Amino acid sequence: MAVRIIDGAQPQDTPIESQKDVDIIVNKKNADLMGITIPDDIMSKAAKVIE
């Protein structure tokens, strides 16, 4: 969508798009360093957890 607008398409003429497939990747190491606690329900849905 953004590429079409950059290429000159008018935003009001561009259809709304949404992402169909989403993979959650959690960087637990950095979250811990920043003091962020990732909820268990998000951790259980994560496709990949970086320790």
PDB file of N, CA and C in Angstrom:
ATOM      1  N   MET A   1       0.824  -1.173   0.000  1.00  0.00           N
ATOM      2  CA  MET A   1       0.000   0.000   0.000  1.00  0.00           C
ATOM      3  C   MET A   1       0.881   1.255   0.000  1.00  0.00           C
ATOM      4  N   ALA A   2       1.889   1.292   0.869  1.00  0.00           N
ATOM      5  CA  ALA A   2       2.756   2.464   0.943  1.00  0.00           C
ATOM      6  C   ALA A   2       3.507   2.672  -0.363  1.00  0.00           C
ATOM      7  N   VAL A   3       3.922   1.579  -0.977  1.00  0.00           N
ATOM      8  CA  VAL A   3       4.665   1.689  -2.241  1.00  0.00           C
ATOM      9  C   VAL A   3       3.797   2.318  -3.315  1.00  0.00           C
ATOM     10  N   ARG A   4       2.526   1.951  -3.356  1.00  0.00           N
ATOM     11  CA  ARG A   4       1.623   2.538  -4.350  1.00  0.00           C
ATOM     12  C   ARG A   4       1.473   4.046  -4.142  1.00  0.00           C
ATOM     13  N   ILE A   5       1.377   4.466  -2.909  1.00  0.00           N
ATOM     14  CA  ILE A   5       1.247   5.892  -2.618  1.00  0.00           C
ATOM     15  C   ILE A   5       2.538   6.623  -2.974  1.00  0.00           C
ATOM     16  N   ILE A   6       3.678   6.019  -2.634  1.00  0.00           N
ATOM     17  CA  ILE A   6       4.970   6.623  -2.999  1.00  0.00           C
ATOM     18  C   ILE A   6       5.089   6.732  -4.509  1.00  0.00           C
ATOM     19  N   ASP A   7       4.558   5.747  -5.222  1.00  0.00           N
ATOM     20  CA  ASP A   7       4.617   5.761  -6.677  1.00  0.00           C
ATOM     21  C   ASP A   7       3.589   6.711  -7.308  1.00  0.00           C
ATOM     22  N   GLY A   8       2.799   7.396  -6.482  1.00  0.00           N
ATOM     23  CA  GLY A   8       1.908   8.420  -7.016  1.00  0.00           C
ATOM     24  C   GLY A   8       0.421   8.173  -6.875  1.00  0.00           C
ATOM     25  N   ALA A   9       0.014   7.022  -6.369  1.00  0.00           N
ATOM     26  CA  ALA A   9      -1.422   6.764  -6.189  1.00  0.00           C
ATOM     27  C   ALA A   9      -1.976   7.690  -5.107  1.00  0.00           C
ATOM     28  N   GLN A  10      -3.208   8.075  -5.248  1.00  0.00           N
ATOM     29  CA  GLN A  10      -3.865   8.935  -4.251  1.00  0.00           C
ATOM     30  C   GLN A  10      -4.307   8.075  -3.060  1.00  0.00           C
ATOM     31  N   PRO A  11      -3.978   8.485  -1.830  1.00  0.00           N
ATOM     32  CA  PRO A  11      -4.359   7.693  -0.657  1.00  0.00           C
ATOM     33  C   PRO A  11      -5.855   7.381  -0.586  1.00  0.00           C
ATOM     34  N   GLN A  12      -6.702   8.348  -0.974  1.00  0.00           N
ATOM     35  CA  GLN A  12      -8.147   8.116  -0.900  1.00  0.00           C
ATOM     36  C   GLN A  12      -8.626   7.088  -1.922  1.00  0.00           C
ATOM     37  N   ASP A  13      -7.814   6.808  -2.945  1.00  0.00           N
ATOM     38  CA  ASP A  13      -8.179   5.819  -3.955  1.00  0.00           C
ATOM     39  C   ASP A  13      -7.549   4.458  -3.685  1.00  0.00           C
ATOM     40  N   THR A  14      -6.773   4.351  -2.613  1.00  0.00           N
ATOM     41  CA  THR A  14      -6.062   3.117  -2.285  1.00  0.00           C
ATOM     42  C   THR A  14      -6.899   2.302  -1.296  1.00  0.00           C
ATOM     43  N   PRO A  15      -7.199   1.045  -1.621  1.00  0.00           N
ATOM     44  CA  PRO A  15      -8.001   0.230  -0.699  1.00  0.00           C
ATOM     45  C   PRO A  15      -7.234  -0.075   0.593  1.00  0.00           C
ATOM     46  N   ILE A  16      -7.978  -0.226   1.661  1.00  0.00           N
ATOM     47  CA  ILE A  16      -7.383  -0.570   2.948  1.00  0.00           C
ATOM     48  C   ILE A  16      -6.967  -2.029   2.908  1.00  0.00           C
ATOM     49  N   GLU A  17      -5.772  -2.300   3.399  1.00  0.00           N
ATOM     50  CA  GLU A  17      -5.264  -3.670   3.451  1.00  0.00           C
ATOM     51  C   GLU A  17      -4.930  -4.020   4.890  1.00  0.00           C
ATOM     52  N   SER A  18      -5.036  -5.296   5.200  1.00  0.00           N
ATOM     53  CA  SER A  18      -4.615  -5.757   6.519  1.00  0.00           C
ATOM     54  C   SER A  18      -3.787  -7.021   6.351  1.00  0.00           C
ATOM     55  N   GLN A  19      -2.944  -7.258   7.323  1.00  0.00           N
ATOM     56  CA  GLN A  19      -2.078  -8.431   7.277  1.00  0.00           C
ATOM     57  C   GLN A  19      -2.871  -9.658   7.687  1.00  0.00           C
ATOM     58  N   LYS A  20      -2.729 -10.715   6.909  1.00  0.00           N
ATOM     59  CA  LYS A  20      -3.495 -11.930   7.174  1.00  0.00           C
ATOM     60  C   LYS A  20      -2.739 -12.894   8.084  1.00  0.00           C
ATOM     61  N   ASP A  21      -1.462 -13.066   7.848  1.00  0.00           N
ATOM     62  CA  ASP A  21      -0.649 -13.990   8.634  1.00  0.00           C
ATOM     63  C   ASP A  21       0.290 -13.193   9.525  1.00  0.00           C
ATOM     64  N   VAL A  22       0.233 -13.454  10.819  1.00  0.00           N
ATOM     65  CA  VAL A  22       1.069 -12.733  11.772  1.00  0.00           C
ATOM     66  C   VAL A  22       1.835 -13.743  12.617  1.00  0.00           C
ATOM     67  N   ASP A  23       3.144 -13.547  12.698  1.00  0.00           N
ATOM     68  CA  ASP A  23       3.975 -14.347  13.592  1.00  0.00           C
ATOM     69  C   ASP A  23       4.507 -13.421  14.674  1.00  0.00           C
ATOM     70  N   ILE A  24       4.341 -13.827  15.916  1.00  0.00           N
ATOM     71  CA  ILE A  24       4.851 -13.045  17.035  1.00  0.00           C
ATOM     72  C   ILE A  24       6.247 -13.554  17.362  1.00  0.00           C
ATOM     73  N   ILE A  25       7.204 -12.634  17.401  1.00  0.00           N
ATOM     74  CA  ILE A  25       8.572 -12.959  17.788  1.00  0.00           C
ATOM     75  C   ILE A  25       8.909 -12.098  18.992  1.00  0.00           C
ATOM     76  N   VAL A  26       9.320 -12.736  20.079  1.00  0.00           N
ATOM     77  CA  VAL A  26       9.612 -12.033  21.318  1.00  0.00           C
ATOM     78  C   VAL A  26      11.112 -12.094  21.580  1.00  0.00           C
ATOM     79  N   ASN A  27      11.712 -10.924  21.795  1.00  0.00           N
ATOM     80  CA  ASN A  27      13.113 -10.865  22.187  1.00  0.00           C
ATOM     81  C   ASN A  27      13.134 -10.718  23.708  1.00  0.00           C
ATOM     82  N   LYS A  28      13.115 -11.859  24.387  1.00  0.00           N
ATOM     83  CA  LYS A  28      13.022 -11.876  25.847  1.00  0.00           C
ATOM     84  C   LYS A  28      14.264 -11.267  26.485  1.00  0.00           C
ATOM     85  N   LYS A  29      15.409 -11.492  25.882  1.00  0.00           N
ATOM     86  CA  LYS A  29      16.661 -10.961  26.422  1.00  0.00           C
ATOM     87  C   LYS A  29      16.590  -9.430  26.518  1.00  0.00           C
ATOM     88  N   ASN A  30      16.185  -8.776  25.444  1.00  0.00           N
ATOM     89  CA  ASN A  30      16.099  -7.318  25.461  1.00  0.00           C
ATOM     90  C   ASN A  30      14.947  -6.825  26.328  1.00  0.00           C
ATOM     91  N   ALA A  31      13.846  -7.554  26.341  1.00  0.00           N
ATOM     92  CA  ALA A  31      12.728  -7.161  27.198  1.00  0.00           C
ATOM     93  C   ALA A  31      13.168  -7.185  28.663  1.00  0.00           C
ATOM     94  N   ASP A  32      13.905  -8.217  29.049  1.00  0.00           N
ATOM     95  CA  ASP A  32      14.410  -8.302  30.420  1.00  0.00           C
ATOM     96  C   ASP A  32      15.368  -7.155  30.729  1.00  0.00           C
ATOM     97  N   LEU A  33      16.240  -6.816  29.777  1.00  0.00           N
ATOM     98  CA  LEU A  33      17.188  -5.716  29.980  1.00  0.00           C
ATOM     99  C   LEU A  33      16.468  -4.383  30.181  1.00  0.00           C
ATOM    100  N   MET A  34      15.314  -4.225  29.533  1.00  0.00           N
ATOM    101  CA  MET A  34      14.551  -2.982  29.647  1.00  0.00           C
ATOM    102  C   MET A  34      13.529  -3.024  30.781  1.00  0.00           C
ATOM    103  N   GLY A  35      13.447  -4.140  31.483  1.00  0.00           N
ATOM    104  CA  GLY A  35      12.508  -4.258  32.590  1.00  0.00           C
ATOM    105  C   GLY A  35      11.072  -4.468  32.148  1.00  0.00           C
ATOM    106  N   ILE A  36      10.895  -5.001  30.931  1.00  0.00           N
ATOM    107  CA  ILE A  36       9.551  -5.232  30.395  1.00  0.00           C
ATOM    108  C   ILE A  36       9.165  -6.679  30.636  1.00  0.00           C
ATOM    109  N   THR A  37       7.985  -6.886  31.190  1.00  0.00           N
ATOM    110  CA  THR A  37       7.466  -8.234  31.399  1.00  0.00           C
ATOM    111  C   THR A  37       6.485  -8.559  30.285  1.00  0.00           C
ATOM    112  N   ILE A  38       6.775  -9.623  29.550  1.00  0.00           N
ATOM    113  CA  ILE A  38       5.887 -10.059  28.474  1.00  0.00           C
ATOM    114  C   ILE A  38       4.856 -11.008  29.087  1.00  0.00           C
ATOM    115  N   PRO A  39       3.564 -10.723  28.929  1.00  0.00           N
ATOM    116  CA  PRO A  39       2.528 -11.592  29.507  1.00  0.00           C
ATOM    117  C   PRO A  39       2.619 -13.030  28.986  1.00  0.00           C
ATOM    118  N   ASP A  40       2.246 -13.966  29.853  1.00  0.00           N
ATOM    119  CA  ASP A  40       2.311 -15.388  29.498  1.00  0.00           C
ATOM    120  C   ASP A  40       1.485 -15.729  28.261  1.00  0.00           C
ATOM    121  N   ASP A  41       0.324 -15.080  28.088  1.00  0.00           N
ATOM    122  CA  ASP A  41      -0.500 -15.412  26.918  1.00  0.00           C
ATOM    123  C   ASP A  41       0.190 -14.999  25.621  1.00  0.00           C
ATOM    124  N   ILE A  42       0.983 -13.942  25.647  1.00  0.00           N
ATOM    125  CA  ILE A  42       1.733 -13.550  24.446  1.00  0.00           C
ATOM    126  C   ILE A  42       2.890 -14.518  24.234  1.00  0.00           C
ATOM    127  N   MET A  43       3.566 -14.873  25.321  1.00  0.00           N
ATOM    128  CA  MET A  43       4.687 -15.816  25.202  1.00  0.00           C
ATOM    129  C   MET A  43       4.223 -17.151  24.642  1.00  0.00           C
ATOM    130  N   SER A  44       3.033 -17.602  25.028  1.00  0.00           N
ATOM    131  CA  SER A  44       2.543 -18.895  24.543  1.00  0.00           C
ATOM    132  C   SER A  44       2.160 -18.846  23.066  1.00  0.00           C
ATOM    133  N   LYS A  45       1.850 -17.653  22.559  1.00  0.00           N
ATOM    134  CA  LYS A  45       1.483 -17.514  21.143  1.00  0.00           C
ATOM    135  C   LYS A  45       2.684 -17.206  20.243  1.00  0.00           C
ATOM    136  N   ALA A  46       3.839 -16.933  20.863  1.00  0.00           N
ATOM    137  CA  ALA A  46       5.011 -16.540  20.088  1.00  0.00           C
ATOM    138  C   ALA A  46       5.515 -17.690  19.222  1.00  0.00           C
ATOM    139  N   ALA A  47       5.772 -17.371  17.961  1.00  0.00           N
ATOM    140  CA  ALA A  47       6.331 -18.348  17.035  1.00  0.00           C
ATOM    141  C   ALA A  47       7.803 -18.568  17.344  1.00  0.00           C
ATOM    142  N   LYS A  48       8.449 -17.529  17.890  1.00  0.00           N
ATOM    143  CA  LYS A  48       9.864 -17.630  18.225  1.00  0.00           C
ATOM    144  C   LYS A  48      10.138 -16.752  19.435  1.00  0.00           C
ATOM    145  N   VAL A  49      10.938 -17.275  20.367  1.00  0.00           N
ATOM    146  CA  VAL A  49      11.360 -16.510  21.544  1.00  0.00           C
ATOM    147  C   VAL A  49      12.877 -16.478  21.528  1.00  0.00           C
ATOM    148  N   ILE A  50      13.426 -15.267  21.488  1.00  0.00           N
ATOM    149  CA  ILE A  50      14.879 -15.097  21.529  1.00  0.00           C
ATOM    150  C   ILE A  50      15.275 -14.966  22.978  1.00  0.00           C
ATOM    151  N   GLU A  51      16.037 -15.933  23.446  1.00  0.00           N
ATOM    152  CA  GLU A  51      16.470 -15.933  24.853  1.00  0.00           C
ATOM    153  C   GLU A  51      17.700 -15.129  24.922  1.00  0.00           C
TER     154      GLU A  51
END
